[in-house]
């Protein structure tokens, strides 16, 4: 009889372990998704355990759906391309799972760490993941500057696109800090200091009265992330509306940024005097 009880106990224990193993399956796939650097392969993994209304939240993102989660992971690998993720023991209670994780770089240096909490739906899928970061584990100064530089480049590139290509001033407005200063050379017919987006737009409209512009050479980007500065160098080709003459000229623009927005712009013309005379000349 005791042997029978013991066998029943082993059977129940095995059943509990099997339930725990099955319950951890979606978390295992979730971790594999974070370790997969191929976007298409990763998306298939995510969709196998992620619902349309499944959510992911951490200090950097709050999103819903498989595609959105895949995009978050894509952006992560853009910033830390050599990341290696490791995780600790899983603790399971009802439909909740929690575990600690670490991110190391290719030199085995700790980049960041934290703890995730996952809520499962009991059907092999994840309903929600909330990630908490260990604030005492931070990126190195070099990595912080590298990420800042990449973010600043994106802001300036979007600004350049809005101004010179799409003429999308509504989107441009979202990139400019309140009170930002645009300094044009005083020798130009639209020169001076312009404060705030509204004044910037007036200046752009004023400049458009004098010339039509095309980009002859796309910009080259330079940066000093420690000073939150970006400099672009490009070449314009202008046609004067007064004289009909054309002029090709290199320009550099110096951007100051803060918290992901532009706070100042200072353009430098290869020959400001020549450009001013070109704009004012008549047939």
Protein backbone atom coordinates (compact mmCIF):
# COMPACT_ATOMS: atom_id res chain seq x y z
CA UNK A 1 0.00 0.00 0.00
CA UNK A 2 2.83 2.40 0.88
CA UNK A 3 4.45 1.61 -2.44
CA UNK A 4 1.19 2.49 -4.19
CA UNK A 5 0.97 5.82 -2.32
CA UNK A 6 4.58 6.56 -3.22
CA UNK A 7 3.93 5.85 -6.90
CA UNK A 8 0.87 8.13 -6.79
CA UNK A 9 2.98 10.85 -5.17
CA UNK A 10 5.62 10.55 -7.90
CA UNK A 11 2.91 10.69 -10.55
CA UNK A 12 1.47 13.91 -9.05
CA UNK A 13 4.91 15.42 -8.68
CA UNK A 14 5.74 14.62 -12.28
CA UNK A 15 2.46 16.22 -13.32
CA UNK A 16 3.33 19.41 -11.44
CA UNK A 17 6.75 19.60 -13.08
CA UNK A 18 5.14 19.02 -16.48
CA UNK A 19 2.65 21.84 -15.84
CA UNK A 20 5.47 24.18 -14.83
CA UNK A 21 7.48 23.21 -17.90
CA UNK A 22 4.52 23.86 -20.22
CA UNK A 23 3.79 27.13 -18.46
CA UNK A 24 7.35 28.34 -19.04
CA UNK A 25 7.25 27.51 -22.75
CA UNK A 26 6.01 30.97 -23.89
CA UNK A 27 8.64 32.65 -21.69
CA UNK A 28 11.33 30.45 -23.25
CA UNK A 29 10.20 31.51 -26.75
CA UNK A 30 10.01 35.15 -25.61
CA UNK A 31 13.65 34.98 -24.50
CA UNK A 32 14.65 33.30 -27.77
CA UNK A 33 13.01 36.18 -29.60
CA UNK A 34 15.20 38.67 -27.72
CA UNK A 35 18.28 36.60 -28.58
CA UNK A 36 17.39 36.36 -32.29
CA UNK A 37 19.00 39.12 -34.38
CA UNK A 38 17.25 38.26 -37.66
CA UNK A 39 14.11 40.40 -37.74
CA UNK A 40 11.97 38.06 -39.87
CA UNK A 41 12.85 34.95 -37.85
CA UNK A 42 12.26 36.85 -34.64
CA UNK A 43 8.82 38.07 -35.73
CA UNK A 44 7.72 34.47 -36.37
CA UNK A 45 8.86 33.51 -32.87
CA UNK A 46 7.02 36.45 -31.33
CA UNK A 47 3.78 35.70 -33.20
CA UNK A 48 3.82 32.12 -31.89
CA UNK A 49 3.39 33.31 -28.28
CA UNK A 50 2.19 36.92 -28.64
CA UNK A 51 -1.42 38.10 -29.10
CA UNK A 52 -2.66 41.18 -30.96
CA UNK A 53 -3.40 42.81 -27.62
CA UNK A 54 -0.31 41.51 -25.76
CA UNK A 55 1.67 44.38 -24.29
CA UNK A 56 5.27 45.13 -23.42
CA UNK A 57 6.34 47.89 -21.06
CA UNK A 58 9.69 49.04 -19.77
CA UNK A 59 11.27 52.47 -19.12
CA UNK A 60 11.97 52.88 -22.86
CA UNK A 61 8.72 51.68 -24.45
CA UNK A 62 5.03 50.90 -23.98
CA UNK A 63 3.66 48.98 -26.96
CA UNK A 64 1.03 46.49 -28.09
CA UNK A 65 1.21 43.68 -30.66
CA UNK A 66 3.86 41.46 -32.23
CA UNK A 67 5.14 43.90 -34.86
CA UNK A 68 5.61 46.65 -32.29
CA UNK A 69 7.60 44.33 -30.01
CA UNK A 70 9.75 43.27 -32.96
CA UNK A 71 10.46 46.94 -33.72
CA UNK A 72 11.52 47.55 -30.11
CA UNK A 73 14.01 44.68 -30.32
CA UNK A 74 15.26 45.92 -33.70
CA UNK A 75 15.98 49.35 -32.20
CA UNK A 76 17.71 47.70 -29.25
CA UNK A 77 20.16 45.87 -31.52
CA UNK A 78 20.84 49.05 -33.49
CA UNK A 79 22.12 50.61 -30.27
CA UNK A 80 23.82 47.51 -28.86
CA UNK A 81 24.58 45.28 -31.89
CA UNK A 82 26.86 42.89 -29.98
CA UNK A 83 24.50 42.37 -27.05
CA UNK A 84 24.33 38.98 -25.36
CA UNK A 85 21.32 38.34 -23.12
CA UNK A 86 21.38 35.97 -20.15
CA UNK A 87 18.67 35.26 -17.62
CA UNK A 88 18.29 33.75 -14.18
CA UNK A 89 15.98 31.17 -12.62
CA UNK A 90 12.26 31.54 -13.34
CA UNK A 91 9.86 31.90 -10.44
CA UNK A 92 6.30 30.81 -11.26
CA UNK A 93 3.13 31.63 -9.34
CA UNK A 94 -0.26 30.99 -10.91
CA UNK A 95 -0.09 32.61 -14.37
CA UNK A 96 2.81 34.90 -13.50
CA UNK A 97 6.52 34.37 -14.11
CA UNK A 98 9.42 36.55 -13.02
CA UNK A 99 13.16 36.36 -13.62
CA UNK A 100 16.31 38.48 -13.54
CA UNK A 101 18.28 39.21 -16.73
CA UNK A 102 21.56 40.74 -17.78
CA UNK A 103 22.90 42.18 -21.03
CA UNK A 104 26.61 41.79 -21.76
CA UNK A 105 28.60 43.10 -24.71
CA UNK A 106 31.03 41.08 -26.85
CA UNK A 107 33.79 41.76 -24.31
CA UNK A 108 31.64 40.31 -21.52
CA UNK A 109 31.15 43.76 -20.02
CA UNK A 110 27.86 44.36 -18.22
CA UNK A 111 25.70 46.84 -20.16
CA UNK A 112 22.48 46.72 -18.15
CA UNK A 113 20.40 44.44 -15.97
CA UNK A 114 16.91 44.16 -14.54
CA UNK A 115 13.91 41.96 -13.79
CA UNK A 116 10.92 41.05 -15.99
CA UNK A 117 7.42 40.04 -14.94
CA UNK A 118 5.27 38.12 -17.46
CA UNK A 119 1.56 37.40 -17.25
CA UNK A 120 0.53 34.30 -19.21
CA UNK A 121 -2.95 33.41 -20.48
CA UNK A 122 -2.65 29.71 -19.63
CA UNK A 123 -2.84 28.75 -23.32
CA UNK A 124 0.82 28.99 -24.20
CA UNK A 125 0.81 32.73 -24.87
CA UNK A 126 2.06 35.87 -23.16
CA UNK A 127 -0.50 38.52 -22.23
CA UNK A 128 1.87 41.11 -20.80
CA UNK A 129 5.51 41.70 -19.97
CA UNK A 130 6.73 44.48 -17.68
CA UNK A 131 10.46 45.12 -17.47
CA UNK A 132 12.22 46.86 -14.60
CA UNK A 133 15.77 48.16 -15.03
CA UNK A 134 18.48 48.14 -12.40
CA UNK A 135 19.25 51.86 -12.30
CA UNK A 136 22.65 51.22 -10.75
CA UNK A 137 23.78 49.35 -13.86
CA UNK A 138 24.46 51.96 -16.53
CA UNK A 139 26.09 52.17 -19.93
CA UNK A 140 29.66 53.35 -20.13
CA UNK A 141 30.19 57.01 -20.98
CA UNK A 142 31.39 56.03 -24.45
CA UNK A 143 28.23 53.98 -25.08
CA UNK A 144 25.99 56.76 -23.80
CA UNK A 145 27.66 59.23 -26.17
CA UNK A 146 27.41 56.75 -29.05
CA UNK A 147 23.68 56.34 -28.50
CA UNK A 148 23.20 60.08 -28.08
CA UNK A 149 25.06 60.72 -31.33
CA UNK A 150 22.84 58.25 -33.20
CA UNK A 151 19.68 59.87 -31.78
CA UNK A 152 20.91 63.37 -32.64
CA UNK A 153 21.72 62.31 -36.20
CA UNK A 154 18.16 61.05 -36.60
CA UNK A 155 16.69 64.36 -35.43
CA UNK A 156 18.89 66.44 -37.75
CA UNK A 157 18.31 64.08 -40.70
CA UNK A 158 14.54 64.38 -40.20
CA UNK A 159 14.80 68.17 -40.00
CA UNK A 160 16.84 68.25 -43.22
CA UNK A 161 14.27 66.04 -44.96
CA UNK A 162 11.37 68.23 -43.81
CA UNK A 163 13.03 71.48 -44.89
CA UNK A 164 14.65 70.56 -48.18
CA UNK A 165 12.65 67.62 -49.52
CA UNK A 166 9.12 67.16 -48.19
CA UNK A 167 8.53 70.76 -47.02
CA UNK A 168 6.69 69.19 -44.08
CA UNK A 169 6.71 72.10 -41.63
CA UNK A 170 4.24 70.44 -39.25
CA UNK A 171 6.65 67.57 -38.62
CA UNK A 172 9.56 70.00 -38.46
CA UNK A 173 7.81 71.88 -35.66
CA UNK A 174 7.97 68.76 -33.46
CA UNK A 175 11.77 68.71 -33.78
CA UNK A 176 12.34 72.28 -32.60
CA UNK A 177 12.56 73.28 -28.93
CA UNK A 178 10.51 76.25 -27.72
CA UNK A 179 12.70 79.35 -27.91
CA UNK A 180 15.19 77.74 -30.30
CA UNK A 181 17.35 80.28 -32.16
CA UNK A 182 18.11 80.29 -35.88
CA UNK A 183 20.95 82.66 -36.81
CA UNK A 184 21.23 83.74 -40.44
CA UNK A 185 24.11 85.93 -41.66
CA UNK A 186 23.08 89.59 -41.40
CA UNK A 187 24.33 90.26 -44.93
CA UNK A 188 21.56 88.14 -46.42
CA UNK A 189 18.20 89.72 -47.32
CA UNK A 190 16.56 87.40 -44.78
CA UNK A 191 19.37 87.61 -42.19
CA UNK A 192 19.11 87.97 -38.42
CA UNK A 193 18.18 85.98 -35.34
CA UNK A 194 14.86 84.13 -35.35
CA UNK A 195 13.48 82.74 -32.10
CA UNK A 196 10.98 79.88 -32.06
CA UNK A 197 9.42 77.80 -34.79
CA UNK A 198 6.91 80.46 -35.91
CA UNK A 199 9.71 82.94 -36.61
CA UNK A 200 11.79 80.23 -38.29
CA UNK A 201 8.95 79.47 -40.68
CA UNK A 202 8.59 83.16 -41.56
CA UNK A 203 12.30 83.29 -42.33
CA UNK A 204 12.06 80.20 -44.58
CA UNK A 205 9.11 81.76 -46.42
CA UNK A 206 11.06 85.02 -46.82
CA UNK A 207 14.09 83.20 -48.22
CA UNK A 208 11.87 81.38 -50.74
CA UNK A 209 11.04 84.78 -52.28
CA UNK A 210 14.64 85.09 -53.49
CA UNK A 211 15.60 81.69 -54.87
CA UNK A 212 14.63 78.18 -55.84
CA UNK A 213 16.85 75.54 -54.31
CA UNK A 214 17.95 72.04 -55.19
CA UNK A 215 20.35 69.79 -53.31
CA UNK A 216 23.40 69.11 -55.42
CA UNK A 217 25.25 66.94 -52.90
CA UNK A 218 23.60 65.20 -49.96
CA UNK A 219 24.92 66.07 -46.50
CA UNK A 220 27.82 64.51 -44.65
CA UNK A 221 27.24 64.34 -40.88
CA UNK A 222 29.72 65.17 -38.12
CA UNK A 223 29.10 65.16 -34.39
CA UNK A 224 30.45 65.99 -30.97
CA UNK A 225 28.00 64.12 -28.76
CA UNK A 226 29.68 65.38 -25.58
CA UNK A 227 28.49 68.88 -26.55
CA UNK A 228 25.19 67.76 -28.14
CA UNK A 229 26.31 69.18 -31.48
CA UNK A 230 25.77 67.98 -35.04
CA UNK A 231 27.30 69.58 -38.14
CA UNK A 232 26.22 68.79 -41.68
CA UNK A 233 28.07 69.68 -44.87
CA UNK A 234 26.27 69.71 -48.23
CA UNK A 235 26.07 71.59 -51.53
CA UNK A 236 23.11 73.55 -52.86
CA UNK A 237 22.28 74.75 -56.35
CA UNK A 238 20.15 77.89 -56.42
CA UNK A 239 18.29 79.80 -59.11
CA UNK A 240 17.74 83.49 -58.38
CA UNK A 241 14.13 84.57 -58.86
CA UNK A 242 15.25 88.12 -59.68
CA UNK A 243 18.00 87.47 -62.22
CA UNK A 244 17.39 83.89 -63.30
CA UNK A 245 21.07 83.14 -62.66
CA UNK A 246 22.18 79.92 -60.98
CA UNK A 247 24.80 79.38 -58.31
CA UNK A 248 26.32 76.27 -56.75
CA UNK A 249 27.70 76.67 -53.23
CA UNK A 250 28.80 74.48 -50.29
CA UNK A 251 27.04 75.09 -46.98
CA UNK A 252 27.56 73.77 -43.48
CA UNK A 253 24.93 73.96 -40.74
CA UNK A 254 25.71 73.74 -37.04
CA UNK A 255 22.97 72.28 -34.80
CA UNK A 256 22.71 72.38 -31.02
CA UNK A 257 20.38 69.80 -29.49
CA UNK A 258 18.94 69.00 -26.08
CA UNK A 259 16.67 66.12 -25.04
CA UNK A 260 16.11 65.09 -28.65
CA UNK A 261 15.16 68.54 -29.96
CA UNK A 262 16.99 71.27 -31.87
CA UNK A 263 17.80 74.33 -29.78
CA UNK A 264 19.87 76.33 -32.29
CA UNK A 265 20.93 76.37 -35.95
CA UNK A 266 23.75 78.40 -37.49
CA UNK A 267 24.32 78.02 -41.26
CA UNK A 268 27.70 78.93 -42.79
CA UNK A 269 27.94 79.75 -46.49
CA UNK A 270 31.17 79.19 -48.40
CA UNK A 271 31.02 82.83 -49.54
CA UNK A 272 28.27 84.77 -47.79
CA UNK A 273 29.00 88.00 -49.67
CA UNK A 274 28.82 86.27 -53.04
CA UNK A 275 25.59 84.54 -52.08
CA UNK A 276 23.99 87.82 -50.89
CA UNK A 277 24.98 89.60 -54.11
CA UNK A 278 23.60 86.67 -56.12
CA UNK A 279 20.23 86.92 -54.36
CA UNK A 280 19.98 90.70 -54.79
CA UNK A 281 21.22 90.90 -58.38
CA UNK A 282 18.84 91.82 -61.17
CA UNK A 283 18.80 90.86 -64.83
